[in-house]
């Protein structure tokens, strides 16, 4: 059922059960939720703002990371420090330029709580953006409505739509979730599933019951039971409904282990084979003395207990306990070992004008409104170093780019429509400068 994906997000966003592990098909959605959580975490930090994430892939031919980054994420903020947009770009070796992939735009209320998020994908054929996700939050920043569209890869016509709505209790915990499919012919949302949530004390989740709409009534098909030890989630049990015998049958479980600081150190997912538990996957987390997770293992096993897959993350942090590097490894079954996949570098700006490296922040003499063709001189750039200047529209589309040497002035010599843009300058290590750019011809 497709609602498994939304349920997993719900667990992370609503209940704080960070120990909950996700299946492979959940990963894209969960990574998006985790990234949004990272954005909001950084926004709430009083000294740092995440500027960019740069990703390099592992090149097995040279046994080293590719010098050319393959992916970069750029983050933009409003005057209150709220992350209002992030843009994902991939490097295209054919055109030797950055190509947009997707961008997320976020809105906030007067309390600086997130109230709406819209994610757009880039159509490489028409060179335009199309809507992929809409998430709406209440005034406390809790998700209550979510819509996802699936499109044909060539025509980009909507082939399928999916929606989840949540009824929240007084503690902003969901009491009921309803899930719908989109009838693309009529544009009507057709209900097909309902999830009910049960708590002790209105805040501690103890049970969920999932039901499908069938023959004009709700029919139970899955149940989740949560057990706690000393206030921490210790076990979650999955059960399916047996129509023939009218009973719940246990099918799988998660078991959680914690360290002395109450952080999850181990998660065991097991399926019931009829007479014994068999491990499907097993995770381990290792933390430093500041509570930062520096290693994470997820091992996947077959029915005979042989590891057949998995991934491994190694993370480094700065003095502010913000992640600055993450190495991703995949399990190579033929080598029976972990193999490098990618490395991410995280770049921050200190809200006081000093970069995280301790160097003075780059300053560019920029006239606003800006007249295309006028020279832009940047100070504190490294001389004889190649920099990339990019201009983005408020919708996230790259409208101009040019490389230049750090000791030379540069200009935007392309006609641009009147409006507000974002000027971004970066080197091969990441973003070094960004500022709003007003074009008024």
Protein backbone atom coordinates (compact mmCIF):
# COMPACT_ATOMS: atom_id res chain seq x y z
CA UNK A 1 0.00 0.00 0.00
CA UNK A 2 1.27 3.42 -0.91
CA UNK A 3 0.34 4.86 2.45
CA UNK A 4 3.24 2.96 4.03
CA UNK A 5 5.45 5.73 2.69
CA UNK A 6 3.37 8.48 4.30
CA UNK A 7 3.08 6.50 7.50
CA UNK A 8 6.86 6.39 7.75
CA UNK A 9 7.12 10.14 7.29
CA UNK A 10 4.33 10.58 9.81
CA UNK A 11 6.31 8.58 12.39
CA UNK A 12 9.33 10.86 11.97
CA UNK A 13 7.48 14.17 11.79
CA UNK A 14 4.75 13.62 14.36
CA UNK A 15 5.89 11.16 16.96
CA UNK A 16 9.61 11.70 17.14
CA UNK A 17 10.26 7.97 16.95
CA UNK A 18 13.58 8.44 15.23
CA UNK A 19 14.41 4.80 15.78
CA UNK A 20 11.81 3.74 13.20
CA UNK A 21 13.56 2.20 10.17
CA UNK A 22 12.25 2.51 6.63
CA UNK A 23 12.02 0.10 3.74
CA UNK A 24 13.98 0.69 0.54
CA UNK A 25 10.96 2.13 -1.29
CA UNK A 26 10.63 4.82 1.38
CA UNK A 27 14.13 6.23 1.02
CA UNK A 28 13.51 9.09 -1.45
CA UNK A 29 10.63 10.49 0.60
CA UNK A 30 12.45 10.01 3.91
CA UNK A 31 15.63 11.66 2.62
CA UNK A 32 13.48 14.64 1.64
CA UNK A 33 11.96 14.79 5.14
CA UNK A 34 15.39 14.45 6.74
CA UNK A 35 16.78 17.19 4.53
CA UNK A 36 13.92 19.50 5.45
CA UNK A 37 14.54 18.69 9.12
CA UNK A 38 18.22 19.57 8.60
CA UNK A 39 17.21 22.89 7.03
CA UNK A 40 14.96 23.79 9.94
CA UNK A 41 17.59 22.67 12.47
CA UNK A 42 20.17 24.94 10.88
CA UNK A 43 17.68 27.83 10.73
CA UNK A 44 17.09 27.48 14.46
CA UNK A 45 20.83 27.71 15.12
CA UNK A 46 21.70 31.25 16.19
CA UNK A 47 25.12 31.38 14.52
CA UNK A 48 25.14 29.29 11.33
CA UNK A 49 23.23 29.03 8.10
CA UNK A 50 23.69 26.15 5.69
CA UNK A 51 24.76 27.65 2.36
CA UNK A 52 25.37 24.63 0.17
CA UNK A 53 26.02 20.90 -0.02
CA UNK A 54 28.46 19.65 -2.64
CA UNK A 55 28.56 15.96 -3.64
CA UNK A 56 31.42 14.12 -5.35
CA UNK A 57 31.12 10.54 -6.61
CA UNK A 58 33.70 7.83 -6.07
CA UNK A 59 35.74 6.98 -9.17
CA UNK A 60 36.91 3.37 -8.95
CA UNK A 61 39.19 3.84 -11.98
CA UNK A 62 41.43 6.24 -10.09
CA UNK A 63 40.51 5.04 -6.57
CA UNK A 64 39.64 8.56 -5.56
CA UNK A 65 36.77 11.05 -5.54
CA UNK A 66 35.96 12.77 -8.83
CA UNK A 67 37.40 16.27 -8.90
CA UNK A 68 34.24 17.59 -10.58
CA UNK A 69 31.25 17.63 -8.19
CA UNK A 70 28.22 15.79 -9.55
CA UNK A 71 25.50 17.39 -7.41
CA UNK A 72 25.04 20.58 -5.44
CA UNK A 73 22.29 21.93 -3.22
CA UNK A 74 21.88 25.66 -2.60
CA UNK A 75 19.91 27.13 0.34
CA UNK A 76 18.25 30.54 0.59
CA UNK A 77 16.76 32.36 3.59
CA UNK A 78 14.46 35.27 4.40
CA UNK A 79 15.23 38.18 6.69
CA UNK A 80 14.13 36.12 9.71
CA UNK A 81 16.58 33.33 8.94
CA UNK A 82 13.91 30.92 7.66
CA UNK A 83 14.97 28.62 4.85
CA UNK A 84 12.65 29.72 2.04
CA UNK A 85 14.11 27.70 -0.83
CA UNK A 86 16.62 25.01 -1.67
CA UNK A 87 17.70 24.09 -5.19
CA UNK A 88 19.14 20.79 -6.41
CA UNK A 89 21.44 20.87 -9.47
CA UNK A 90 23.29 18.03 -11.24
CA UNK A 91 26.41 18.43 -13.33
CA UNK A 92 25.86 17.61 -17.01
CA UNK A 93 29.18 16.45 -18.57
CA UNK A 94 27.74 16.79 -22.09
CA UNK A 95 27.05 20.51 -21.77
CA UNK A 96 29.66 21.01 -19.00
CA UNK A 97 27.13 22.99 -16.99
CA UNK A 98 24.87 22.63 -13.98
CA UNK A 99 21.35 21.47 -14.78
CA UNK A 100 18.43 22.03 -12.37
CA UNK A 101 16.69 18.92 -11.01
CA UNK A 102 14.24 20.15 -8.40
CA UNK A 103 13.62 22.98 -5.97
CA UNK A 104 11.57 23.29 -2.80
CA UNK A 105 9.90 26.57 -1.82
CA UNK A 106 8.77 27.07 1.78
CA UNK A 107 6.44 29.59 3.46
CA UNK A 108 6.22 30.58 7.13
CA UNK A 109 3.72 32.31 9.39
CA UNK A 110 4.32 35.28 11.71
CA UNK A 111 5.66 32.85 14.35
CA UNK A 112 8.26 31.62 11.81
CA UNK A 113 6.65 28.17 11.75
CA UNK A 114 6.57 26.35 8.43
CA UNK A 115 3.03 26.41 6.96
CA UNK A 116 3.49 25.31 3.34
CA UNK A 117 6.06 23.62 1.14
CA UNK A 118 5.90 23.09 -2.61
CA UNK A 119 8.42 20.98 -4.49
CA UNK A 120 8.94 21.33 -8.24
CA UNK A 121 10.73 19.09 -10.73
CA UNK A 122 12.55 20.38 -13.79
CA UNK A 123 11.31 19.31 -17.23
CA UNK A 124 14.46 18.91 -19.35
CA UNK A 125 12.39 18.84 -22.54
CA UNK A 126 10.39 22.05 -22.11
CA UNK A 127 12.95 23.62 -19.72
CA UNK A 128 10.23 24.49 -17.25
CA UNK A 129 9.22 23.51 -13.73
CA UNK A 130 6.24 21.35 -12.79
CA UNK A 131 4.69 20.70 -9.39
CA UNK A 132 5.53 17.41 -7.70
CA UNK A 133 4.61 17.79 -4.01
CA UNK A 134 2.53 20.07 -1.81
CA UNK A 135 2.79 19.89 1.98
CA UNK A 136 0.65 22.03 4.29
CA UNK A 137 1.26 22.57 8.00
CA UNK A 138 -0.79 24.10 10.79
CA UNK A 139 0.28 27.18 12.76
CA UNK A 140 2.44 25.00 15.01
CA UNK A 141 4.33 23.65 12.00
CA UNK A 142 2.74 20.17 12.00
CA UNK A 143 1.90 18.47 8.70
CA UNK A 144 -1.84 17.95 8.05
CA UNK A 145 -2.16 17.67 4.25
CA UNK A 146 0.15 16.16 1.65
CA UNK A 147 -0.23 15.74 -2.13
CA UNK A 148 2.10 13.95 -4.54
CA UNK A 149 1.83 13.81 -8.33
CA UNK A 150 3.37 11.12 -10.56
CA UNK A 151 4.05 12.09 -14.17
CA UNK A 152 5.00 10.36 -17.38
CA UNK A 153 8.78 10.58 -17.81
CA UNK A 154 8.50 11.76 -21.43
CA UNK A 155 5.26 13.75 -21.64
CA UNK A 156 5.20 14.86 -17.98
CA UNK A 157 1.42 14.44 -18.00
CA UNK A 158 0.00 13.51 -14.58
CA UNK A 159 -0.54 9.74 -14.57
CA UNK A 160 -1.31 9.32 -10.91
CA UNK A 161 -1.88 11.39 -7.79
CA UNK A 162 -1.74 10.54 -4.12
CA UNK A 163 -2.99 12.48 -1.10
CA UNK A 164 -2.91 12.12 2.67
CA UNK A 165 -4.83 14.24 5.19
CA UNK A 166 -4.46 14.16 8.98
CA UNK A 167 -6.87 15.03 11.78
CA UNK A 168 -4.85 16.22 14.79
CA UNK A 169 -5.66 16.12 18.48
CA UNK A 170 -5.09 18.92 20.99
CA UNK A 171 -1.42 17.91 21.21
CA UNK A 172 -0.94 18.12 17.41
CA UNK A 173 -0.71 14.33 17.14
CA UNK A 174 -2.69 12.64 14.34
CA UNK A 175 -5.83 10.81 15.36
CA UNK A 176 -6.90 9.83 11.86
CA UNK A 177 -5.21 9.75 8.45
CA UNK A 178 -7.16 9.44 5.20
CA UNK A 179 -5.50 8.50 1.90
CA UNK A 180 -6.77 9.16 -1.61
CA UNK A 181 -5.97 8.30 -5.21
CA UNK A 182 -6.48 10.90 -7.95
CA UNK A 183 -8.90 10.12 -10.75
CA UNK A 184 -6.93 11.81 -13.54
CA UNK A 185 -9.98 11.85 -15.83
CA UNK A 186 -12.24 13.79 -13.47
CA UNK A 187 -9.70 15.40 -11.11
CA UNK A 188 -11.60 13.91 -8.12
CA UNK A 189 -9.78 12.42 -5.13
CA UNK A 190 -11.03 8.86 -4.39
CA UNK A 191 -10.61 7.65 -0.82
CA UNK A 192 -9.12 4.17 -0.40
CA UNK A 193 -7.55 3.93 3.07
CA UNK A 194 -7.90 5.11 6.68
CA UNK A 195 -5.39 4.91 9.53
CA UNK A 196 -6.40 5.35 13.18
CA UNK A 197 -3.88 6.30 15.89
CA UNK A 198 -4.22 5.45 19.58
CA UNK A 199 -2.31 7.02 22.48
CA UNK A 200 -1.79 6.87 26.21
CA UNK A 201 -1.92 10.32 27.73
CA UNK A 202 -2.75 11.72 24.28
CA UNK A 203 0.94 11.86 23.30
CA UNK A 204 2.48 8.37 23.48
CA UNK A 205 1.56 6.31 20.43
CA UNK A 206 0.65 2.72 21.34
CA UNK A 207 -1.31 1.41 18.37
CA UNK A 208 -2.30 2.03 14.76
CA UNK A 209 -4.99 0.29 12.75
CA UNK A 210 -5.02 0.52 8.95
CA UNK A 211 -8.16 -0.16 6.95
CA UNK A 212 -9.12 -0.12 3.27
CA UNK A 213 -12.40 1.13 1.82
CA UNK A 214 -14.12 -1.94 0.37
CA UNK A 215 -17.77 -2.58 -0.51
CA UNK A 216 -18.87 0.69 1.09
CA UNK A 217 -17.24 -0.07 4.46
CA UNK A 218 -13.85 -0.03 6.16
CA UNK A 219 -11.98 -3.33 6.31
CA UNK A 220 -9.00 -3.70 8.67
CA UNK A 221 -5.86 -5.15 7.12
CA UNK A 222 -2.85 -4.08 9.24
CA UNK A 223 -2.07 -3.20 12.85
CA UNK A 224 1.01 -1.73 14.52
CA UNK A 225 1.66 -2.08 18.26
CA UNK A 226 4.28 -0.01 20.10
CA UNK A 227 5.90 -1.12 23.36
CA UNK A 228 8.04 1.08 25.61
CA UNK A 229 10.65 0.51 28.30
CA UNK A 230 11.54 3.38 30.65
CA UNK A 231 9.73 5.77 28.34
CA UNK A 232 11.64 4.71 25.21
CA UNK A 233 10.29 2.75 22.26
CA UNK A 234 11.65 -0.77 22.65
CA UNK A 235 9.57 -2.77 20.18
CA UNK A 236 7.07 -2.23 17.38
CA UNK A 237 5.03 -5.22 16.20
CA UNK A 238 3.35 -5.51 12.80
CA UNK A 239 0.23 -7.65 12.45
CA UNK A 240 -2.11 -8.43 9.57
CA UNK A 241 -5.80 -9.31 9.80
CA UNK A 242 -6.81 -12.92 9.15
CA UNK A 243 -10.34 -12.81 7.70
CA UNK A 244 -10.81 -16.56 7.91
CA UNK A 245 -10.13 -16.82 11.65
CA UNK A 246 -10.97 -13.19 12.55
CA UNK A 247 -7.68 -12.65 14.41
CA UNK A 248 -4.56 -10.54 14.12
CA UNK A 249 -1.45 -12.48 13.05
CA UNK A 250 2.04 -11.21 13.87
CA UNK A 251 4.23 -10.83 10.78
CA UNK A 252 7.22 -8.66 11.76
CA UNK A 253 8.79 -6.57 14.48
CA UNK A 254 11.37 -3.84 15.15
CA UNK A 255 13.56 -4.07 18.27
CA UNK A 256 15.39 -0.96 19.53
CA UNK A 257 18.50 -0.63 21.71
CA UNK A 258 19.69 2.64 23.28
CA UNK A 259 22.92 4.04 24.69
CA UNK A 260 23.35 5.71 28.06
CA UNK A 261 22.36 9.05 26.47
CA UNK A 262 19.06 7.51 25.24
CA UNK A 263 20.11 7.65 21.59
CA UNK A 264 19.28 4.67 19.38
CA UNK A 265 22.36 2.50 18.88
CA UNK A 266 20.77 -0.56 17.28
CA UNK A 267 17.61 -1.47 15.37
CA UNK A 268 16.73 -5.03 14.46
CA UNK A 269 13.99 -5.71 11.92
CA UNK A 270 12.75 -9.29 11.89
CA UNK A 271 10.02 -11.18 10.06
CA UNK A 272 8.11 -14.10 11.56
CA UNK A 273 8.55 -17.27 9.48
CA UNK A 274 5.94 -19.30 11.37
CA UNK A 275 8.25 -20.83 13.95
CA UNK A 276 11.11 -18.36 14.39
CA UNK A 277 12.20 -14.76 13.87
CA UNK A 278 14.45 -14.08 10.87
CA UNK A 279 16.46 -10.88 10.60
CA UNK A 280 15.76 -8.85 7.46
CA UNK A 281 17.96 -5.88 8.27
CA UNK A 282 20.06 -4.64 11.16
CA UNK A 283 21.28 -1.08 11.84
CA UNK A 284 23.96 0.31 14.15
CA UNK A 285 24.68 3.91 15.09
CA UNK A 286 27.88 5.23 16.68
CA UNK A 287 28.01 8.68 18.33
CA UNK A 288 30.78 11.01 19.45
CA UNK A 289 31.00 12.59 22.91
CA UNK A 290 28.78 15.47 21.77
CA UNK A 291 25.99 13.13 20.71
CA UNK A 292 26.63 13.49 16.96
CA UNK A 293 26.14 10.33 14.93
CA UNK A 294 29.52 9.69 13.28
CA UNK A 295 28.76 6.26 11.81
CA UNK A 296 25.63 4.49 10.66
CA UNK A 297 25.37 0.94 9.31
CA UNK A 298 22.34 -0.67 7.67
CA UNK A 299 22.88 -4.31 6.80
CA UNK A 300 20.35 -6.28 4.71
CA UNK A 301 20.15 -10.07 5.00
CA UNK A 302 18.57 -12.87 3.00
CA UNK A 303 16.53 -15.72 4.48
CA UNK A 304 19.70 -17.65 5.33
CA UNK A 305 21.24 -14.79 7.30
CA UNK A 306 23.75 -13.80 4.58
CA UNK A 307 24.34 -10.09 4.13
CA UNK A 308 23.27 -9.18 0.60
CA UNK A 309 23.23 -5.38 0.73
CA UNK A 310 23.24 -2.27 2.83
CA UNK A 311 24.89 1.09 3.23
CA UNK A 312 27.30 2.80 5.61
CA UNK A 313 27.62 6.52 6.45
CA UNK A 314 30.66 8.20 8.05
CA UNK A 315 30.11 11.79 9.22
CA UNK A 316 32.32 14.58 10.54
CA UNK A 317 31.21 17.69 12.47
CA UNK A 318 32.51 21.18 13.17
CA UNK A 319 32.89 22.96 16.50
CA UNK A 320 29.21 23.97 16.32
CA UNK A 321 28.24 20.26 16.08
CA UNK A 322 27.05 20.80 12.51
CA UNK A 323 27.80 18.13 9.94
CA UNK A 324 30.55 19.17 7.49
CA UNK A 325 31.31 15.89 5.70
CA UNK A 326 29.46 12.67 5.00
CA UNK A 327 30.91 9.63 3.21
CA UNK A 328 28.41 7.15 1.79
CA UNK A 329 29.36 3.51 1.17
CA UNK A 330 27.38 0.64 -0.32
CA UNK A 331 27.78 -3.06 0.40
CA UNK A 332 29.66 -4.95 -2.33
CA UNK A 333 28.60 -8.56 -1.97
CA UNK A 334 31.26 -9.90 -4.34
CA UNK A 335 34.01 -8.19 -2.32
CA UNK A 336 32.21 -8.88 0.97
CA UNK A 337 33.08 -5.36 2.04
CA UNK A 338 31.92 -1.73 1.99
CA UNK A 339 32.66 0.29 -1.14
CA UNK A 340 32.81 4.09 -1.44
CA UNK A 341 29.88 5.69 -3.28
CA UNK A 342 29.86 9.45 -2.66
CA UNK A 343 31.09 12.18 -0.36
CA UNK A 344 29.18 15.32 0.66
CA UNK A 345 30.69 18.56 1.92
CA UNK A 346 28.50 20.98 3.89
CA UNK A 347 29.25 24.71 3.79
CA UNK A 348 27.92 27.26 6.27
CA UNK A 349 27.91 31.00 6.71
CA UNK A 350 28.33 32.41 10.19
CA UNK A 351 25.68 35.01 10.81
CA UNK A 352 28.12 37.78 11.62
CA UNK A 353 30.10 38.01 8.42
CA UNK A 354 32.80 35.45 9.18
CA UNK A 355 32.79 32.17 7.29
CA UNK A 356 32.99 28.83 9.06
CA UNK A 357 36.64 28.52 8.03
CA UNK A 358 37.46 31.69 9.92
CA UNK A 359 38.22 33.72 6.79
CA UNK A 360 36.53 37.04 6.11
CA UNK A 361 33.37 36.66 4.06
CA UNK A 362 33.63 37.55 0.39
CA UNK A 363 32.10 40.93 -0.46
CA UNK A 364 30.94 41.95 -3.95
CA UNK A 365 30.33 45.53 -5.02
CA UNK A 366 26.88 45.16 -6.56
CA UNK A 367 24.52 47.92 -7.63
CA UNK A 368 20.85 47.27 -6.86
CA UNK A 369 18.90 47.74 -9.05
CA UNK A 370 21.48 46.14 -11.33
CA UNK A 371 21.82 47.04 -14.99
CA UNK A 372 22.99 44.02 -17.05
CA UNK A 373 26.45 44.63 -18.45
CA UNK A 374 27.71 46.56 -15.43
CA UNK A 375 30.94 45.20 -13.91
CA UNK A 376 30.78 43.35 -10.60
CA UNK A 377 33.96 43.40 -8.50
CA UNK A 378 34.33 40.90 -5.67
CA UNK A 379 36.82 41.34 -2.85
CA UNK A 380 38.68 38.60 -0.93
CA UNK A 381 38.39 36.07 -3.75
CA UNK A 382 41.56 34.07 -4.38
CA UNK A 383 43.50 35.46 -7.38
CA UNK A 384 44.05 33.20 -10.39
CA UNK A 385 41.33 30.82 -9.20
CA UNK A 386 38.34 29.95 -11.38
CA UNK A 387 34.95 30.86 -9.91
CA UNK A 388 31.46 30.18 -11.21
CA UNK A 389 28.85 32.95 -11.15
CA UNK A 390 25.21 31.89 -11.48
CA UNK A 391 21.95 33.80 -11.49
CA UNK A 392 18.67 32.13 -10.45
CA UNK A 393 15.13 33.37 -10.84
CA UNK A 394 12.80 33.30 -7.84
CA UNK A 395 11.28 30.10 -9.25
CA UNK A 396 14.67 28.40 -8.96
CA UNK A 397 15.61 28.34 -12.66
CA UNK A 398 19.21 29.13 -13.58
CA UNK A 399 19.05 32.01 -16.08
CA UNK A 400 22.75 32.84 -16.39
CA UNK A 401 26.17 31.37 -15.59
CA UNK A 402 29.76 32.30 -16.31
CA UNK A 403 33.23 31.34 -15.07
CA UNK A 404 35.72 34.06 -14.17
CA UNK A 405 39.07 34.53 -12.43
CA UNK A 406 39.01 35.75 -8.85
CA UNK A 407 41.20 38.77 -9.54
CA UNK A 408 39.08 40.05 -12.44
CA UNK A 409 35.72 41.84 -12.55
CA UNK A 410 32.75 40.03 -14.09
CA UNK A 411 29.41 41.10 -15.50
CA UNK A 412 26.02 39.68 -16.47
CA UNK A 413 25.92 40.37 -20.18
CA UNK A 414 22.61 38.66 -20.88
CA UNK A 415 19.31 40.59 -21.04
CA UNK A 416 17.08 39.64 -18.11
CA UNK A 417 13.48 40.53 -17.41
CA UNK A 418 12.69 42.93 -14.60
CA UNK A 419 12.37 41.17 -11.27
CA UNK A 420 14.17 39.70 -8.27
CA UNK A 421 16.97 37.17 -8.77
CA UNK A 422 19.61 35.42 -6.68
CA UNK A 423 23.31 35.86 -7.49
CA UNK A 424 25.51 32.93 -6.45
CA UNK A 425 29.31 32.63 -6.71
CA UNK A 426 31.10 29.37 -5.96
CA UNK A 427 34.44 27.64 -6.39
CA UNK A 428 35.19 23.92 -6.67
CA UNK A 429 34.70 23.59 -2.90
CA UNK A 430 31.30 25.20 -2.66
CA UNK A 431 29.44 28.47 -2.35
CA UNK A 432 31.43 31.58 -1.37
CA UNK A 433 28.91 34.40 -1.95
CA UNK A 434 25.21 34.96 -2.59
CA UNK A 435 22.99 38.00 -2.63
CA UNK A 436 19.66 39.19 -3.94
CA UNK A 437 19.77 40.88 -7.32
CA UNK A 438 17.11 43.33 -8.50
CA UNK A 439 16.88 43.83 -12.28
CA UNK A 440 15.11 47.01 -13.36
CA UNK A 441 15.66 47.94 -16.98
